[in-house]
């Protein structure tokens, strides 16, 4: 049986993820709002197509045959630019067969701001657009849905240390960091796909939680040879990303200090 995967959102995460999914034997169709990106997606080895969002209506430039034979649908598109993010994703998901496995890329920013260790059962910020999208998808597709709540993403050509350069007195120097390398994020997706994990929620976050001051000073020294200035203050939540390790063969393999 043909295995089709439709990937909604083909940016910094979606593109390399799509490449790796093709290696699992899937024909990958990558949806983008940017027509110019379609050529790039085709060059990477999967099929690019255009997505158009009109308020609550969504159109995908895919044939009915592809829609009907899609076994895996992945959302990696961020909430930026949507009037109703969750409703738009719901409209897309309803276009696919009832057997299609769904994976939603969420964020650890859905958790309330607390000064404690946070796991998948911790309180959520119900006003967050991504939380609302989670709830809407769970209410409709819970038995075939997996939610991956990603910590701050880092990797080649992407690191938040750049935002701190040349800034004086950076606040919250003692707050813990919650980060994850792109390589580990992709491996988490592949683990969920191959194990067919459904009706699950997983935090994807390394167990390394140095203070913001220690971590970003170390990275700034490595990458730019500079010292940053932090205020010695602050606290914050620590994301526990161990559940997926306990429930599968997934392991975190890349340190957040490897840049």
Protein backbone atom coordinates (compact mmCIF):
# COMPACT_ATOMS: atom_id res chain seq x y z
CA UNK A 1 0.00 0.00 0.00
CA UNK A 2 1.25 3.45 -0.93
CA UNK A 3 2.33 5.50 2.09
CA UNK A 4 1.63 9.20 1.75
CA UNK A 5 2.62 11.82 4.31
CA UNK A 6 1.27 15.35 4.11
CA UNK A 7 3.39 17.91 5.94
CA UNK A 8 1.71 21.25 6.63
CA UNK A 9 4.46 23.82 7.14
CA UNK A 10 7.88 23.50 5.52
CA UNK A 11 10.15 25.94 7.28
CA UNK A 12 13.30 25.47 9.36
CA UNK A 13 11.87 22.33 10.99
CA UNK A 14 9.53 21.05 8.30
CA UNK A 15 12.03 20.87 5.46
CA UNK A 16 14.65 18.61 7.10
CA UNK A 17 11.86 16.58 8.73
CA UNK A 18 10.29 15.94 5.34
CA UNK A 19 13.62 14.76 3.95
CA UNK A 20 14.01 12.22 6.77
CA UNK A 21 10.43 10.98 6.43
CA UNK A 22 11.05 10.15 2.76
CA UNK A 23 13.76 7.77 3.99
CA UNK A 24 11.06 5.80 5.83
CA UNK A 25 9.43 4.99 2.50
CA UNK A 26 6.78 7.73 2.48
CA UNK A 27 5.89 9.91 -0.46
CA UNK A 28 5.99 13.30 1.27
CA UNK A 29 3.82 16.22 0.18
CA UNK A 30 4.93 19.50 1.71
CA UNK A 31 2.39 22.29 2.05
CA UNK A 32 3.47 25.93 2.09
CA UNK A 33 1.81 29.34 1.95
CA UNK A 34 4.76 30.57 -0.15
CA UNK A 35 4.49 29.60 -3.83
CA UNK A 36 8.18 30.32 -4.42
CA UNK A 37 9.15 27.65 -1.87
CA UNK A 38 7.51 24.85 -3.88
CA UNK A 39 10.49 24.57 -6.25
CA UNK A 40 12.84 24.28 -3.26
CA UNK A 41 10.74 21.50 -1.72
CA UNK A 42 10.74 19.56 -4.98
CA UNK A 43 14.51 19.91 -5.12
CA UNK A 44 14.75 18.38 -1.62
CA UNK A 45 13.03 15.23 -2.85
CA UNK A 46 9.43 15.70 -1.84
CA UNK A 47 6.39 17.21 -3.50
CA UNK A 48 5.60 20.83 -2.71
CA UNK A 49 2.06 22.18 -2.91
CA UNK A 50 0.29 25.44 -2.15
CA UNK A 51 -1.98 26.05 0.86
CA UNK A 52 -4.44 28.94 0.82
CA UNK A 53 -6.12 30.16 3.99
CA UNK A 54 -9.26 32.28 3.66
CA UNK A 55 -10.61 33.06 7.13
CA UNK A 56 -11.93 29.65 8.28
CA UNK A 57 -11.78 28.08 4.81
CA UNK A 58 -8.69 26.20 3.68
CA UNK A 59 -7.76 24.89 0.26
CA UNK A 60 -4.96 22.43 -0.45
CA UNK A 61 -3.59 22.01 -3.96
CA UNK A 62 -3.71 18.21 -3.69
CA UNK A 63 -5.66 15.65 -5.69
CA UNK A 64 -8.46 13.65 -4.08
CA UNK A 65 -6.36 10.51 -4.66
CA UNK A 66 -3.51 11.87 -2.52
CA UNK A 67 -5.91 13.05 0.19
CA UNK A 68 -7.64 9.68 0.31
CA UNK A 69 -4.37 7.70 0.54
CA UNK A 70 -2.63 9.81 3.19
CA UNK A 71 -1.72 7.74 6.23
CA UNK A 72 0.19 10.49 8.07
CA UNK A 73 -0.60 14.20 8.50
CA UNK A 74 1.87 16.43 10.34
CA UNK A 75 1.36 20.06 11.36
CA UNK A 76 4.59 22.04 11.71
CA UNK A 77 3.08 25.39 10.78
CA UNK A 78 3.27 28.13 13.48
CA UNK A 79 0.27 30.20 14.59
CA UNK A 80 1.61 33.46 13.12
CA UNK A 81 -0.76 35.10 10.66
CA UNK A 82 -3.89 33.10 11.51
CA UNK A 83 -7.14 34.69 12.67
CA UNK A 84 -8.11 31.32 14.24
CA UNK A 85 -5.16 28.94 14.25
CA UNK A 86 -6.92 25.93 15.74
CA UNK A 87 -9.94 26.17 13.46
CA UNK A 88 -7.70 26.38 10.39
CA UNK A 89 -5.84 23.21 11.42
CA UNK A 90 -9.12 21.47 12.17
CA UNK A 91 -10.42 22.36 8.70
CA UNK A 92 -7.34 20.78 7.14
CA UNK A 93 -7.48 17.61 9.26
CA UNK A 94 -11.11 17.01 8.30
CA UNK A 95 -10.08 16.69 4.64
CA UNK A 96 -8.24 13.42 5.35
CA UNK A 97 -9.47 9.85 6.02
CA UNK A 98 -10.52 8.80 9.50
CA UNK A 99 -7.57 6.40 9.63
CA UNK A 100 -4.93 9.10 9.09
CA UNK A 101 -2.44 9.44 11.95
CA UNK A 102 -2.03 13.05 13.08
CA UNK A 103 0.99 14.71 14.68
CA UNK A 104 0.70 18.27 15.95
CA UNK A 105 3.81 20.32 16.63
CA UNK A 106 3.01 22.24 19.80
CA UNK A 107 5.25 24.22 22.13
CA UNK A 108 6.25 24.16 25.78
CA UNK A 109 5.13 27.80 25.84
CA UNK A 110 1.60 26.43 26.40
CA UNK A 111 2.44 25.87 30.08
CA UNK A 112 1.66 28.49 32.67
CA UNK A 113 4.59 30.49 34.00
CA UNK A 114 5.61 28.74 37.21
CA UNK A 115 8.82 28.20 39.15
CA UNK A 116 8.81 24.41 39.23
CA UNK A 117 9.36 21.28 37.17
CA UNK A 118 6.69 20.95 34.48
CA UNK A 119 5.52 17.70 32.87
CA UNK A 120 2.77 16.81 30.41
CA UNK A 121 0.11 16.97 33.14
CA UNK A 122 0.99 20.47 34.33
CA UNK A 123 -1.40 23.41 34.02
CA UNK A 124 -1.72 25.06 30.61
CA UNK A 125 -2.28 28.66 29.62
CA UNK A 126 -5.80 28.29 28.26
CA UNK A 127 -5.62 31.65 26.45
CA UNK A 128 -2.61 30.64 24.35
CA UNK A 129 -3.51 30.10 20.67
CA UNK A 130 -1.48 26.87 20.57
CA UNK A 131 -3.27 25.53 23.67
CA UNK A 132 -6.60 26.25 21.99
CA UNK A 133 -5.42 24.38 18.89
CA UNK A 134 -4.36 21.39 21.01
CA UNK A 135 -7.75 21.22 22.68
CA UNK A 136 -9.64 21.51 19.40
CA UNK A 137 -7.62 18.73 17.76
CA UNK A 138 -7.89 16.49 20.81
CA UNK A 139 -11.67 16.96 20.94
CA UNK A 140 -11.95 15.76 17.35
CA UNK A 141 -9.08 13.33 16.76
CA UNK A 142 -7.75 12.24 20.15
CA UNK A 143 -7.51 8.51 19.37
CA UNK A 144 -5.16 9.08 16.41
CA UNK A 145 -3.40 12.26 17.50
CA UNK A 146 0.06 12.77 18.97
CA UNK A 147 1.10 16.16 20.35
CA UNK A 148 4.79 17.03 20.56
CA UNK A 149 5.43 20.08 22.76
CA UNK A 150 8.81 21.37 21.66
CA UNK A 151 11.13 23.43 23.83
CA UNK A 152 13.17 26.27 22.31
CA UNK A 153 14.61 25.11 19.01
CA UNK A 154 18.31 25.41 18.28
CA UNK A 155 20.52 24.11 15.51
CA UNK A 156 22.52 25.12 12.47
CA UNK A 157 21.89 28.78 11.57
CA UNK A 158 19.38 29.16 14.40
CA UNK A 159 20.30 30.14 17.90
CA UNK A 160 18.63 32.66 20.26
CA UNK A 161 22.02 33.87 21.51
CA UNK A 162 22.01 36.25 18.53
CA UNK A 163 19.18 38.23 20.15
CA UNK A 164 21.32 38.94 23.22
CA UNK A 165 24.38 40.28 21.43
CA UNK A 166 25.12 43.96 22.18
CA UNK A 167 22.31 44.15 24.73
CA UNK A 168 23.16 45.54 28.18
CA UNK A 169 21.77 44.14 31.45
CA UNK A 170 19.82 41.16 30.06
CA UNK A 171 17.10 40.23 32.60
CA UNK A 172 16.42 36.85 34.27
CA UNK A 173 20.01 35.66 34.25
CA UNK A 174 19.23 32.95 36.84
CA UNK A 175 16.24 31.48 34.98
CA UNK A 176 16.77 27.91 33.66
CA UNK A 177 16.84 27.35 29.89
CA UNK A 178 14.58 24.85 28.14
CA UNK A 179 16.03 23.98 24.74
CA UNK A 180 16.22 21.17 22.19
CA UNK A 181 18.48 20.49 19.24
CA UNK A 182 16.92 20.10 15.78
CA UNK A 183 18.53 16.65 15.37
CA UNK A 184 16.76 15.36 18.48
CA UNK A 185 13.44 16.92 17.45
CA UNK A 186 13.53 15.10 14.12
CA UNK A 187 14.41 11.84 15.84
CA UNK A 188 11.45 12.28 18.19
CA UNK A 189 9.14 12.63 15.19
CA UNK A 190 10.62 9.54 13.53
CA UNK A 191 10.20 7.56 16.76
CA UNK A 192 6.52 8.50 17.02
CA UNK A 193 5.92 7.71 13.34
CA UNK A 194 7.64 4.32 13.37
CA UNK A 195 6.12 3.25 16.69
CA UNK A 196 2.74 4.64 15.62
CA UNK A 197 2.34 6.39 18.95
CA UNK A 198 -1.17 7.84 19.15
CA UNK A 199 -3.29 9.48 21.83
CA UNK A 200 -0.07 10.75 23.40
CA UNK A 201 1.38 14.08 24.52
CA UNK A 202 5.16 14.42 24.84
CA UNK A 203 7.44 17.23 25.91
CA UNK A 204 10.55 17.31 23.74
CA UNK A 205 13.23 19.04 25.80
CA UNK A 206 16.76 18.12 26.80
CA UNK A 207 17.53 17.34 30.45
CA UNK A 208 20.18 20.10 30.45
CA UNK A 209 18.86 23.20 32.24
CA UNK A 210 21.75 25.58 33.00
CA UNK A 211 20.90 29.14 33.94
CA UNK A 212 20.29 31.57 31.13
CA UNK A 213 23.37 33.52 32.22
CA UNK A 214 25.68 30.51 32.21
CA UNK A 215 24.41 28.98 29.00
CA UNK A 216 24.27 32.04 26.77
CA UNK A 217 27.59 33.35 27.99
CA UNK A 218 29.18 30.02 27.11
CA UNK A 219 27.59 29.99 23.64
CA UNK A 220 28.44 33.65 23.01
CA UNK A 221 32.04 32.87 23.87
CA UNK A 222 32.10 29.82 21.56
CA UNK A 223 30.42 31.46 18.57
CA UNK A 224 31.39 35.10 18.81
CA UNK A 225 34.19 35.40 21.38
CA UNK A 226 32.19 37.87 23.49
CA UNK A 227 30.90 38.14 27.05
CA UNK A 228 27.26 39.01 27.66
CA UNK A 229 25.86 41.06 30.53
CA UNK A 230 23.05 39.56 32.61
CA UNK A 231 21.18 40.69 35.68
CA UNK A 232 21.74 38.14 38.46
CA UNK A 233 18.07 37.54 39.12
CA UNK A 234 15.06 35.51 38.05
CA UNK A 235 13.66 31.99 38.05
CA UNK A 236 11.30 29.94 35.92
CA UNK A 237 9.97 26.55 34.94
CA UNK A 238 12.01 23.47 34.06
CA UNK A 239 10.49 21.31 31.32
CA UNK A 240 10.62 17.58 32.00
CA UNK A 241 11.09 15.81 28.66
CA UNK A 242 11.63 12.30 30.01
CA UNK A 243 8.22 10.76 29.25
CA UNK A 244 9.02 9.92 25.62
CA UNK A 245 12.28 8.26 26.72
CA UNK A 246 10.40 6.06 29.21
CA UNK A 247 7.70 5.07 26.72
CA UNK A 248 9.81 4.42 23.59
CA UNK A 249 13.34 3.79 22.37
CA UNK A 250 13.96 7.52 21.89
CA UNK A 251 17.05 9.11 23.44
CA UNK A 252 18.33 12.69 23.57
CA UNK A 253 21.69 12.53 21.87
CA UNK A 254 22.80 16.10 21.17
CA UNK A 255 23.88 18.50 23.91
CA UNK A 256 22.56 22.04 23.77
CA UNK A 257 26.17 23.18 24.13
CA UNK A 258 27.06 21.58 20.76
CA UNK A 259 26.82 24.55 18.42
